[in-house]
Amino acid sequence: MFASMAQSQETGHQDLRASAVLIDAVDAPGYKVIQEIEGAIDSGEDESAAVQNTLVKLSASEDETLTIAQKDVLSSYMEVGKAFFNTLIGGSELFEATFASIEELPASAGDVITVAVTFFPEQAGEILAAAALTGEITQEDAIALALLAGANPEDVSTETAAGGDITAVPAPLGAGVGAGGAGGGDTTASTN
């Protein structure tokens, strides 16, 4: 990475490719998506068309790039996915892409968190910080969605990048009110 950055600086050209910006997320499923999109762009597709076509291709059942769960999220939230990955392809970092996507689709703030955390689970704290900054979703709802999307509870139970202290970590699924029979123990008080 440093060699490519140095080469870019020598030529006066800054590499704003998403894969260069997201180098700290190379193990994330979203990085695979970015690489597929960049491959389509390198083949001559317009950026917007490359995002659209790649997301449709990757969500297809016969494609083996993503897991079934990731394909389901992509299929269910295609418009949000397009907005999010278009912003990333433009050279934005995850924080910026999350913030911009929520600003573009404020009624879909929760869906943006779901897509972002599904594809970049290790960066959940950064994603939640951006979501909180928009004011379009409560911190508690954002945390719950991030956990459902696969975030590590430790990543969302500490301070966010925006400086806020996330203190309300919801109980894992299967525990709590109405969870009787779910294996997590029903903590609902008896009315007898």
N, C-alpha and C. Protein backbone atom coordinates (compact mmCIF):
# COMPACT_ATOMS: atom_id res chain seq x y z
N MET A 1 0.82 -1.18 0.00
CA MET A 1 0.00 0.00 0.00
C MET A 1 0.87 1.25 0.00
N PHE A 2 1.87 1.27 0.89
CA PHE A 2 2.71 2.46 0.98
C PHE A 2 3.46 2.71 -0.33
N ALA A 3 3.84 1.63 -1.01
CA ALA A 3 4.53 1.79 -2.28
C ALA A 3 3.61 2.44 -3.31
N SER A 4 2.33 2.01 -3.34
CA SER A 4 1.42 2.61 -4.31
C SER A 4 1.12 4.06 -3.95
N MET A 5 1.05 4.36 -2.64
CA MET A 5 0.83 5.75 -2.24
C MET A 5 2.02 6.61 -2.61
N ALA A 6 3.22 6.08 -2.38
CA ALA A 6 4.43 6.83 -2.72
C ALA A 6 4.49 7.07 -4.22
N GLN A 7 4.15 6.04 -5.02
CA GLN A 7 4.16 6.18 -6.46
C GLN A 7 3.12 7.22 -6.89
N SER A 8 1.96 7.22 -6.25
CA SER A 8 0.93 8.19 -6.57
C SER A 8 1.40 9.60 -6.27
N GLN A 9 2.14 9.77 -5.15
CA GLN A 9 2.62 11.10 -4.78
C GLN A 9 3.70 11.56 -5.75
N GLU A 10 4.53 10.63 -6.22
CA GLU A 10 5.58 11.00 -7.16
C GLU A 10 5.01 11.50 -8.47
N THR A 11 3.91 10.89 -8.92
CA THR A 11 3.33 11.28 -10.19
C THR A 11 2.35 12.44 -10.04
N GLY A 12 2.08 12.83 -8.78
CA GLY A 12 1.13 13.91 -8.55
C GLY A 12 -0.31 13.43 -8.61
N HIS A 13 -0.52 12.13 -8.75
CA HIS A 13 -1.87 11.56 -8.82
C HIS A 13 -2.17 10.85 -7.52
N GLN A 14 -3.25 11.25 -6.88
CA GLN A 14 -3.63 10.61 -5.63
C GLN A 14 -4.58 9.47 -5.95
N ASP A 15 -4.29 8.28 -5.43
CA ASP A 15 -5.12 7.10 -5.66
C ASP A 15 -6.30 7.14 -4.71
N LEU A 16 -7.48 7.47 -5.24
CA LEU A 16 -8.68 7.53 -4.43
C LEU A 16 -9.54 6.30 -4.63
N ARG A 17 -8.97 5.24 -5.16
CA ARG A 17 -9.74 4.01 -5.32
C ARG A 17 -10.19 3.53 -3.95
N ALA A 18 -11.37 3.02 -3.90
CA ALA A 18 -11.94 2.55 -2.65
C ALA A 18 -11.07 1.48 -2.01
N SER A 19 -10.48 0.61 -2.81
CA SER A 19 -9.65 -0.46 -2.25
C SER A 19 -8.42 0.12 -1.55
N ALA A 20 -7.94 1.28 -2.00
CA ALA A 20 -6.80 1.92 -1.34
C ALA A 20 -7.25 2.61 -0.05
N VAL A 21 -8.43 3.23 -0.09
CA VAL A 21 -8.95 3.93 1.08
C VAL A 21 -9.31 2.93 2.18
N LEU A 22 -9.82 1.78 1.78
CA LEU A 22 -10.30 0.77 2.74
C LEU A 22 -9.27 -0.32 3.03
N ILE A 23 -8.01 -0.02 2.89
CA ILE A 23 -6.96 -1.03 3.04
C ILE A 23 -6.98 -1.69 4.41
N ASP A 24 -7.48 -1.00 5.44
CA ASP A 24 -7.54 -1.60 6.76
C ASP A 24 -8.72 -2.56 6.91
N ALA A 25 -9.52 -2.72 5.85
CA ALA A 25 -10.68 -3.62 5.90
C ALA A 25 -10.58 -4.72 4.84
N VAL A 26 -9.35 -5.13 4.51
CA VAL A 26 -9.17 -6.11 3.44
C VAL A 26 -9.82 -7.47 3.72
N ASP A 27 -10.06 -7.79 4.98
CA ASP A 27 -10.68 -9.07 5.31
C ASP A 27 -12.20 -8.98 5.35
N ALA A 28 -12.75 -7.80 5.19
CA ALA A 28 -14.19 -7.61 5.25
C ALA A 28 -14.86 -8.06 3.96
N PRO A 29 -16.07 -8.61 4.07
CA PRO A 29 -16.79 -8.99 2.85
C PRO A 29 -17.03 -7.81 1.92
N GLY A 30 -17.17 -6.62 2.49
CA GLY A 30 -17.37 -5.42 1.67
C GLY A 30 -16.17 -5.11 0.79
N TYR A 31 -14.99 -5.51 1.25
CA TYR A 31 -13.79 -5.29 0.43
C TYR A 31 -13.85 -6.11 -0.84
N LYS A 32 -14.39 -7.34 -0.73
CA LYS A 32 -14.58 -8.19 -1.93
C LYS A 32 -15.54 -7.52 -2.90
N VAL A 33 -16.60 -6.93 -2.36
CA VAL A 33 -17.58 -6.23 -3.19
C VAL A 33 -16.90 -5.07 -3.91
N ILE A 34 -16.12 -4.29 -3.17
CA ILE A 34 -15.40 -3.15 -3.75
C ILE A 34 -14.47 -3.62 -4.88
N GLN A 35 -13.75 -4.70 -4.64
CA GLN A 35 -12.85 -5.21 -5.68
C GLN A 35 -13.62 -5.63 -6.94
N GLU A 36 -14.77 -6.25 -6.77
CA GLU A 36 -15.60 -6.63 -7.92
C GLU A 36 -16.07 -5.40 -8.68
N ILE A 37 -16.50 -4.38 -7.94
CA ILE A 37 -16.96 -3.14 -8.58
C ILE A 37 -15.81 -2.48 -9.34
N GLU A 38 -14.64 -2.40 -8.70
CA GLU A 38 -13.48 -1.79 -9.37
C GLU A 38 -13.07 -2.58 -10.61
N GLY A 39 -13.22 -3.90 -10.55
CA GLY A 39 -12.93 -4.72 -11.74
C GLY A 39 -13.87 -4.37 -12.88
N ALA A 40 -15.15 -4.15 -12.56
CA ALA A 40 -16.12 -3.77 -13.59
C ALA A 40 -15.79 -2.39 -14.16
N ILE A 41 -15.36 -1.48 -13.30
CA ILE A 41 -14.98 -0.14 -13.75
C ILE A 41 -13.75 -0.23 -14.65
N ASP A 42 -12.77 -1.05 -14.25
CA ASP A 42 -11.57 -1.24 -15.06
C ASP A 42 -11.88 -1.84 -16.42
N SER A 43 -13.00 -2.58 -16.49
CA SER A 43 -13.42 -3.18 -17.76
C SER A 43 -14.20 -2.20 -18.63
N GLY A 44 -14.37 -0.98 -18.15
CA GLY A 44 -14.99 0.06 -18.96
C GLY A 44 -16.39 0.48 -18.54
N GLU A 45 -16.94 -0.10 -17.49
CA GLU A 45 -18.27 0.30 -17.05
C GLU A 45 -18.23 1.63 -16.31
N ASP A 46 -19.27 2.40 -16.48
CA ASP A 46 -19.47 3.63 -15.72
C ASP A 46 -19.57 3.24 -14.24
N GLU A 47 -19.13 4.11 -13.32
CA GLU A 47 -19.12 3.78 -11.89
C GLU A 47 -20.49 3.38 -11.37
N SER A 48 -21.51 4.15 -11.68
CA SER A 48 -22.85 3.86 -11.19
C SER A 48 -23.37 2.53 -11.74
N ALA A 49 -23.14 2.30 -13.02
CA ALA A 49 -23.57 1.04 -13.63
C ALA A 49 -22.77 -0.13 -13.05
N ALA A 50 -21.49 0.10 -12.79
CA ALA A 50 -20.65 -0.97 -12.22
C ALA A 50 -21.16 -1.36 -10.84
N VAL A 51 -21.55 -0.38 -10.03
CA VAL A 51 -22.09 -0.67 -8.70
C VAL A 51 -23.38 -1.46 -8.84
N GLN A 52 -24.30 -0.95 -9.64
CA GLN A 52 -25.60 -1.60 -9.85
C GLN A 52 -25.42 -3.04 -10.33
N ASN A 53 -24.68 -3.21 -11.41
CA ASN A 53 -24.52 -4.54 -12.02
C ASN A 53 -23.79 -5.51 -11.09
N THR A 54 -22.79 -5.02 -10.38
CA THR A 54 -22.03 -5.88 -9.47
C THR A 54 -22.90 -6.33 -8.31
N LEU A 55 -23.68 -5.43 -7.73
CA LEU A 55 -24.53 -5.80 -6.60
C LEU A 55 -25.58 -6.81 -7.02
N VAL A 56 -26.15 -6.63 -8.21
CA VAL A 56 -27.14 -7.59 -8.72
C VAL A 56 -26.46 -8.94 -8.94
N LYS A 57 -25.28 -8.93 -9.54
CA LYS A 57 -24.55 -10.19 -9.80
C LYS A 57 -24.19 -10.89 -8.50
N LEU A 58 -23.67 -10.15 -7.53
CA LEU A 58 -23.23 -10.76 -6.28
C LEU A 58 -24.39 -11.27 -5.43
N SER A 59 -25.57 -10.70 -5.60
CA SER A 59 -26.72 -11.16 -4.82
C SER A 59 -27.40 -12.37 -5.46
N ALA A 60 -26.98 -12.73 -6.65
CA ALA A 60 -27.56 -13.89 -7.33
C ALA A 60 -27.18 -15.17 -6.59
N SER A 61 -28.08 -16.10 -6.56
CA SER A 61 -27.87 -17.33 -5.79
C SER A 61 -26.70 -18.16 -6.30
N GLU A 62 -26.41 -18.09 -7.60
CA GLU A 62 -25.33 -18.92 -8.14
C GLU A 62 -23.93 -18.33 -7.91
N ASP A 63 -23.84 -17.06 -7.56
CA ASP A 63 -22.54 -16.45 -7.30
C ASP A 63 -22.03 -16.92 -5.93
N GLU A 64 -20.73 -17.24 -5.85
CA GLU A 64 -20.16 -17.77 -4.61
C GLU A 64 -19.25 -16.80 -3.88
N THR A 65 -19.26 -15.53 -4.26
CA THR A 65 -18.40 -14.54 -3.63
C THR A 65 -18.84 -14.24 -2.20
N LEU A 66 -20.14 -14.15 -1.98
CA LEU A 66 -20.70 -13.80 -0.68
C LEU A 66 -21.44 -14.97 -0.06
N THR A 67 -21.66 -14.87 1.25
CA THR A 67 -22.45 -15.90 1.94
C THR A 67 -23.93 -15.69 1.62
N ILE A 68 -24.73 -16.67 1.94
CA ILE A 68 -26.17 -16.57 1.71
C ILE A 68 -26.75 -15.40 2.49
N ALA A 69 -26.31 -15.22 3.73
CA ALA A 69 -26.80 -14.11 4.56
C ALA A 69 -26.44 -12.76 3.94
N GLN A 70 -25.22 -12.64 3.44
CA GLN A 70 -24.79 -11.38 2.81
C GLN A 70 -25.58 -11.12 1.53
N LYS A 71 -25.85 -12.17 0.77
CA LYS A 71 -26.67 -12.03 -0.44
C LYS A 71 -28.08 -11.57 -0.08
N ASP A 72 -28.62 -12.14 0.99
CA ASP A 72 -29.97 -11.76 1.43
C ASP A 72 -30.02 -10.28 1.81
N VAL A 73 -29.01 -9.81 2.53
CA VAL A 73 -28.97 -8.39 2.90
C VAL A 73 -28.87 -7.53 1.65
N LEU A 74 -28.03 -7.92 0.73
CA LEU A 74 -27.86 -7.16 -0.50
C LEU A 74 -29.17 -7.13 -1.30
N SER A 75 -29.83 -8.27 -1.41
CA SER A 75 -31.10 -8.33 -2.15
C SER A 75 -32.18 -7.51 -1.47
N SER A 76 -32.25 -7.60 -0.15
CA SER A 76 -33.30 -6.91 0.60
C SER A 76 -33.11 -5.40 0.63
N TYR A 77 -31.88 -4.95 0.57
CA TYR A 77 -31.59 -3.52 0.70
C TYR A 77 -30.79 -3.01 -0.50
N MET A 78 -31.23 -3.37 -1.70
CA MET A 78 -30.49 -3.05 -2.92
C MET A 78 -30.30 -1.54 -3.09
N GLU A 79 -31.34 -0.74 -2.90
CA GLU A 79 -31.21 0.71 -3.08
C GLU A 79 -30.22 1.31 -2.08
N VAL A 80 -30.30 0.86 -0.85
CA VAL A 80 -29.37 1.32 0.18
C VAL A 80 -27.95 0.87 -0.17
N GLY A 81 -27.82 -0.37 -0.61
CA GLY A 81 -26.51 -0.90 -1.00
C GLY A 81 -25.89 -0.09 -2.13
N LYS A 82 -26.72 0.28 -3.10
CA LYS A 82 -26.21 1.10 -4.20
C LYS A 82 -25.71 2.45 -3.70
N ALA A 83 -26.49 3.09 -2.84
CA ALA A 83 -26.08 4.40 -2.31
C ALA A 83 -24.77 4.27 -1.52
N PHE A 84 -24.71 3.25 -0.66
CA PHE A 84 -23.54 3.05 0.20
C PHE A 84 -22.29 2.74 -0.63
N PHE A 85 -22.38 1.77 -1.53
CA PHE A 85 -21.20 1.39 -2.31
C PHE A 85 -20.83 2.45 -3.35
N ASN A 86 -21.80 3.20 -3.87
CA ASN A 86 -21.47 4.33 -4.76
C ASN A 86 -20.62 5.35 -4.03
N THR A 87 -20.96 5.61 -2.77
CA THR A 87 -20.19 6.57 -1.99
C THR A 87 -18.79 6.04 -1.71
N LEU A 88 -18.69 4.75 -1.40
CA LEU A 88 -17.36 4.16 -1.17
C LEU A 88 -16.51 4.19 -2.43
N ILE A 89 -17.11 3.89 -3.57
CA ILE A 89 -16.36 3.89 -4.83
C ILE A 89 -15.86 5.29 -5.16
N GLY A 90 -16.58 6.29 -4.67
CA GLY A 90 -16.15 7.68 -4.88
C GLY A 90 -14.93 8.07 -4.08
N GLY A 91 -14.42 7.16 -3.23
CA GLY A 91 -13.21 7.43 -2.47
C GLY A 91 -13.46 7.78 -1.02
N SER A 92 -14.69 7.66 -0.56
CA SER A 92 -15.01 7.97 0.83
C SER A 92 -14.60 6.84 1.76
N GLU A 93 -14.32 7.21 3.00
CA GLU A 93 -14.06 6.21 4.03
C GLU A 93 -15.40 5.74 4.57
N LEU A 94 -15.40 4.70 5.39
CA LEU A 94 -16.64 4.13 5.91
C LEU A 94 -17.48 5.14 6.69
N PHE A 95 -16.84 5.92 7.53
CA PHE A 95 -17.57 6.93 8.30
C PHE A 95 -18.31 7.86 7.35
N GLU A 96 -17.60 8.39 6.37
CA GLU A 96 -18.19 9.32 5.41
C GLU A 96 -19.28 8.66 4.59
N ALA A 97 -19.04 7.42 4.14
CA ALA A 97 -20.02 6.71 3.32
C ALA A 97 -21.29 6.42 4.10
N THR A 98 -21.14 6.05 5.36
CA THR A 98 -22.31 5.81 6.21
C THR A 98 -23.10 7.10 6.40
N PHE A 99 -22.40 8.15 6.77
CA PHE A 99 -23.04 9.45 7.01
C PHE A 99 -23.75 9.92 5.74
N ALA A 100 -23.07 9.89 4.60
CA ALA A 100 -23.64 10.37 3.35
C ALA A 100 -24.84 9.52 2.91
N SER A 101 -24.76 8.22 3.11
CA SER A 101 -25.87 7.33 2.73
C SER A 101 -27.11 7.60 3.58
N ILE A 102 -26.91 7.83 4.87
CA ILE A 102 -28.04 8.15 5.75
C ILE A 102 -28.61 9.52 5.40
N GLU A 103 -27.75 10.47 5.08
CA GLU A 103 -28.22 11.79 4.68
C GLU A 103 -29.01 11.70 3.37
N GLU A 104 -28.59 10.84 2.46
CA GLU A 104 -29.29 10.67 1.18
C GLU A 104 -30.62 9.94 1.36
N LEU A 105 -30.65 8.97 2.27
CA LEU A 105 -31.84 8.14 2.51
C LEU A 105 -32.20 8.15 4.00
N PRO A 106 -32.61 9.30 4.54
CA PRO A 106 -32.83 9.38 5.99
C PRO A 106 -33.87 8.40 6.54
N ALA A 107 -34.87 8.08 5.75
CA ALA A 107 -35.88 7.12 6.21
C ALA A 107 -35.34 5.70 6.26
N SER A 108 -34.18 5.48 5.68
CA SER A 108 -33.56 4.15 5.64
C SER A 108 -32.30 4.08 6.48
N ALA A 109 -32.21 4.90 7.51
CA ALA A 109 -30.99 4.95 8.34
C ALA A 109 -30.67 3.57 8.91
N GLY A 110 -31.67 2.86 9.39
CA GLY A 110 -31.44 1.53 9.94
C GLY A 110 -30.95 0.55 8.89
N ASP A 111 -31.47 0.68 7.68
CA ASP A 111 -31.04 -0.20 6.59
C ASP A 111 -29.58 0.08 6.21
N VAL A 112 -29.19 1.35 6.27
CA VAL A 112 -27.79 1.70 5.97
C VAL A 112 -26.87 1.03 6.99
N ILE A 113 -27.25 1.08 8.26
CA ILE A 113 -26.44 0.43 9.30
C ILE A 113 -26.36 -1.06 9.05
N THR A 114 -27.49 -1.67 8.70
CA THR A 114 -27.51 -3.11 8.42
C THR A 114 -26.55 -3.46 7.29
N VAL A 115 -26.63 -2.73 6.20
CA VAL A 115 -25.75 -3.00 5.05
C VAL A 115 -24.29 -2.75 5.43
N ALA A 116 -24.02 -1.61 6.02
CA ALA A 116 -22.64 -1.24 6.35
C ALA A 116 -21.99 -2.24 7.30
N VAL A 117 -22.70 -2.61 8.36
CA VAL A 117 -22.12 -3.54 9.34
C VAL A 117 -22.04 -4.95 8.79
N THR A 118 -23.01 -5.36 7.96
CA THR A 118 -22.94 -6.68 7.35
C THR A 118 -21.67 -6.83 6.53
N PHE A 119 -21.32 -5.79 5.81
CA PHE A 119 -20.17 -5.88 4.91
C PHE A 119 -18.86 -5.39 5.53
N PHE A 120 -18.94 -4.67 6.64
CA PHE A 120 -17.74 -4.20 7.34
C PHE A 120 -17.94 -4.37 8.85
N PRO A 121 -18.10 -5.60 9.33
CA PRO A 121 -18.42 -5.82 10.76
C PRO A 121 -17.35 -5.35 11.73
N GLU A 122 -16.10 -5.42 11.35
CA GLU A 122 -15.01 -5.01 12.24
C GLU A 122 -14.96 -3.49 12.43
N GLN A 123 -15.62 -2.76 11.57
CA GLN A 123 -15.63 -1.30 11.64
C GLN A 123 -16.97 -0.78 12.18
N ALA A 124 -17.68 -1.61 12.94
CA ALA A 124 -19.01 -1.25 13.44
C ALA A 124 -18.99 0.03 14.27
N GLY A 125 -17.96 0.22 15.08
CA GLY A 125 -17.88 1.43 15.91
C GLY A 125 -17.86 2.69 15.07
N GLU A 126 -17.10 2.66 13.99
CA GLU A 126 -17.01 3.80 13.07
C GLU A 126 -18.35 4.05 12.38
N ILE A 127 -19.02 2.97 11.99
CA ILE A 127 -20.32 3.06 11.32
C ILE A 127 -21.36 3.64 12.28
N LEU A 128 -21.36 3.15 13.53
CA LEU A 128 -22.31 3.64 14.52
C LEU A 128 -22.07 5.11 14.87
N ALA A 129 -20.81 5.50 14.91
CA ALA A 129 -20.49 6.90 15.20
C ALA A 129 -21.07 7.81 14.11
N ALA A 130 -20.93 7.39 12.86
CA ALA A 130 -21.47 8.19 11.75
C ALA A 130 -22.99 8.24 11.82
N ALA A 131 -23.61 7.10 12.11
CA ALA A 131 -25.07 7.05 12.20
C ALA A 131 -25.58 7.96 13.31
N ALA A 132 -24.92 7.92 14.46
CA ALA A 132 -25.33 8.75 15.59
C ALA A 132 -25.22 10.22 15.26
N LEU A 133 -24.19 10.57 14.52
CA LEU A 133 -23.96 11.97 14.16
C LEU A 133 -25.07 12.53 13.26
N THR A 134 -25.70 11.68 12.47
CA THR A 134 -26.78 12.16 11.60
C THR A 134 -28.02 12.53 12.37
N GLY A 135 -28.23 11.91 13.53
CA GLY A 135 -29.43 12.17 14.31
C GLY A 135 -30.69 11.52 13.75
N GLU A 136 -30.55 10.67 12.75
CA GLU A 136 -31.70 10.03 12.10
C GLU A 136 -32.14 8.74 12.79
N ILE A 137 -31.34 8.24 13.73
CA ILE A 137 -31.63 6.98 14.40
C ILE A 137 -31.12 7.07 15.83
N THR A 138 -31.84 6.46 16.75
CA THR A 138 -31.38 6.49 18.14
C THR A 138 -30.16 5.59 18.29
N GLN A 139 -29.37 5.90 19.27
CA GLN A 139 -28.17 5.11 19.54
C GLN A 139 -28.55 3.66 19.88
N GLU A 140 -29.60 3.47 20.65
CA GLU A 140 -30.02 2.13 21.03
C GLU A 140 -30.45 1.32 19.82
N ASP A 141 -31.24 1.94 18.93
CA ASP A 141 -31.67 1.24 17.71
C ASP A 141 -30.47 0.92 16.82
N ALA A 142 -29.55 1.85 16.71
CA ALA A 142 -28.36 1.63 15.89
C ALA A 142 -27.53 0.47 16.42
N ILE A 143 -27.38 0.41 17.74
CA ILE A 143 -26.62 -0.68 18.36
C ILE A 143 -27.31 -2.02 18.10
N ALA A 144 -28.61 -2.06 18.30
CA ALA A 144 -29.35 -3.30 18.08
C ALA A 144 -29.21 -3.79 16.64
N LEU A 145 -29.32 -2.87 15.68
CA LEU A 145 -29.17 -3.25 14.27
C LEU A 145 -27.76 -3.73 13.96
N ALA A 146 -26.77 -3.06 14.55
CA ALA A 146 -25.38 -3.45 14.32
C ALA A 146 -25.12 -4.85 14.86
N LEU A 147 -25.66 -5.15 16.03
CA LEU A 147 -25.48 -6.49 16.60
C LEU A 147 -26.17 -7.54 15.75
N LEU A 148 -27.37 -7.24 15.28
CA LEU A 148 -28.08 -8.18 14.40
C LEU A 148 -27.34 -8.40 13.09
N ALA A 149 -26.62 -7.38 12.63
CA ALA A 149 -25.89 -7.47 11.37
C ALA A 149 -24.54 -8.16 11.52
N GLY A 150 -24.16 -8.51 12.76
CA GLY A 150 -22.92 -9.26 12.94
C GLY A 150 -21.80 -8.53 13.63
N ALA A 151 -22.06 -7.37 14.20
CA ALA A 151 -21.01 -6.64 14.92
C ALA A 151 -20.64 -7.38 16.20
N ASN A 152 -19.40 -7.30 16.57
CA ASN A 152 -18.93 -7.85 17.83
C ASN A 152 -19.45 -6.95 18.95
N PRO A 153 -20.14 -7.52 19.95
CA PRO A 153 -20.67 -6.68 21.04
C PRO A 153 -19.62 -5.80 21.70
N GLU A 154 -18.38 -6.26 21.77
CA GLU A 154 -17.31 -5.45 22.36
C GLU A 154 -17.02 -4.21 21.51
N ASP A 155 -17.23 -4.31 20.20
CA ASP A 155 -16.97 -3.18 19.32
C ASP A 155 -18.03 -2.09 19.43
N VAL A 156 -19.22 -2.46 19.89
CA VAL A 156 -20.30 -1.47 19.98
C VAL A 156 -20.64 -1.11 21.41
N SER A 157 -19.88 -1.61 22.37
CA SER A 157 -20.18 -1.29 23.76
C SER A 157 -19.13 -0.38 24.37
N THR A 158 -18.27 0.16 23.55
CA THR A 158 -17.25 1.09 24.02
C THR A 158 -17.51 2.45 23.41
N GLU A 159 -16.65 3.40 23.67
CA GLU A 159 -16.84 4.73 23.11
C GLU A 159 -16.82 4.70 21.59
N THR A 160 -17.68 5.50 20.99
CA THR A 160 -17.71 5.62 19.54
C THR A 160 -16.66 6.61 19.08
N ALA A 161 -16.40 6.61 17.79
CA ALA A 161 -15.43 7.55 17.24
C ALA A 161 -15.89 9.00 17.41
N ALA A 162 -17.19 9.20 17.57
CA ALA A 162 -17.71 10.56 17.74
C ALA A 162 -17.58 11.04 19.17
N GLY A 163 -17.09 10.16 20.06
CA GLY A 163 -16.87 10.56 21.44
C GLY A 163 -18.01 10.21 22.37
N GLY A 164 -19.10 9.72 21.84
CA GLY A 164 -20.23 9.34 22.68
C GLY A 164 -19.97 8.01 23.35
N ASP A 165 -20.49 7.86 24.54
CA ASP A 165 -20.30 6.61 25.26
C ASP A 165 -21.55 5.75 25.08
N ILE A 166 -21.40 4.64 24.41
CA ILE A 166 -22.51 3.74 24.19
C ILE A 166 -22.62 2.86 25.42
N THR A 167 -23.70 3.04 26.18
CA THR A 167 -23.84 2.30 27.42
C THR A 167 -24.93 1.25 27.37
N ALA A 168 -25.91 1.40 26.50
CA ALA A 168 -27.03 0.45 26.46
C ALA A 168 -26.78 -0.60 25.40
N VAL A 169 -26.26 -1.74 25.81
CA VAL A 169 -26.05 -2.84 24.88
C VAL A 169 -27.21 -3.80 25.07
N PRO A 170 -28.03 -4.02 24.02
CA PRO A 170 -29.18 -4.89 24.17
C PRO A 170 -28.77 -6.33 24.46
N ALA A 171 -29.68 -7.05 25.12
CA ALA A 171 -29.43 -8.46 25.41
C ALA A 171 -29.37 -9.23 24.10
N PRO A 172 -28.59 -10.30 24.05
CA PRO A 172 -28.53 -11.11 22.83
C PRO A 172 -29.91 -11.70 22.52
N LEU A 173 -30.13 -12.00 21.25
CA LEU A 173 -31.39 -12.62 20.87
C LEU A 173 -31.59 -13.90 21.65
N GLY A 174 -32.83 -14.17 22.02
CA GLY A 174 -33.12 -15.39 22.75
C GLY A 174 -33.18 -15.16 24.25
N ALA A 175 -32.82 -13.99 24.71
CA ALA A 175 -32.87 -13.70 26.14
C ALA A 175 -33.85 -12.56 26.36
N GLY A 176 -34.53 -12.58 27.47
CA GLY A 176 -35.38 -11.46 27.80
C GLY A 176 -36.84 -11.72 27.60
N VAL A 177 -37.60 -10.65 27.58
CA VAL A 177 -39.05 -10.71 27.51
C VAL A 177 -39.50 -11.46 26.27
N GLY A 178 -40.37 -12.42 26.48
CA GLY A 178 -40.95 -13.15 25.37
C GLY A 178 -40.03 -14.17 24.75
N ALA A 179 -38.94 -14.49 25.37
CA ALA A 179 -38.00 -15.42 24.77
C ALA A 179 -38.23 -16.85 25.23
N GLY A 180 -39.32 -17.08 25.91
CA GLY A 180 -39.61 -18.43 26.40
C GLY A 180 -39.54 -19.43 25.26
N GLY A 181 -38.83 -20.50 25.45
CA GLY A 181 -38.69 -21.53 24.43
C GLY A 181 -37.60 -21.24 23.42
N ALA A 182 -36.95 -20.10 23.53
CA ALA A 182 -35.91 -19.74 22.57
C ALA A 182 -34.54 -20.19 23.06
N GLY A 183 -34.50 -20.84 24.19
CA GLY A 183 -33.21 -21.33 24.68
C GLY A 183 -32.44 -20.30 25.48
N GLY A 184 -32.91 -19.07 25.50
CA GLY A 184 -32.17 -18.03 26.21
C GLY A 184 -32.72 -17.73 27.58
N GLY A 185 -33.81 -18.37 27.95
CA GLY A 185 -34.40 -18.13 29.25
C GLY A 185 -35.35 -16.96 29.21
N ASP A 186 -36.58 -17.20 29.58
CA ASP A 186 -37.59 -16.15 29.57
C ASP A 186 -37.53 -15.41 30.90
N THR A 187 -37.18 -14.13 30.85
CA THR A 187 -37.05 -13.33 32.08
C THR A 187 -38.32 -12.56 32.38
N THR A 188 -39.41 -12.88 31.67
CA THR A 188 -40.68 -12.20 31.92
C THR A 188 -41.20 -12.63 33.30
N ALA A 189 -41.58 -11.64 34.10
CA ALA A 189 -42.10 -11.92 35.43
C ALA A 189 -43.47 -12.57 35.32
N SER A 190 -43.73 -13.55 36.16
CA SER A 190 -45.02 -14.23 36.20
C SER A 190 -46.07 -13.31 36.82
N THR A 191 -47.28 -13.33 36.28
CA THR A 191 -48.35 -12.51 36.84
C THR A 191 -49.16 -13.26 37.86
N ASN A 192 -48.75 -14.48 38.24
CA ASN A 192 -49.48 -15.28 39.23
C ASN A 192 -49.09 -14.89 40.62
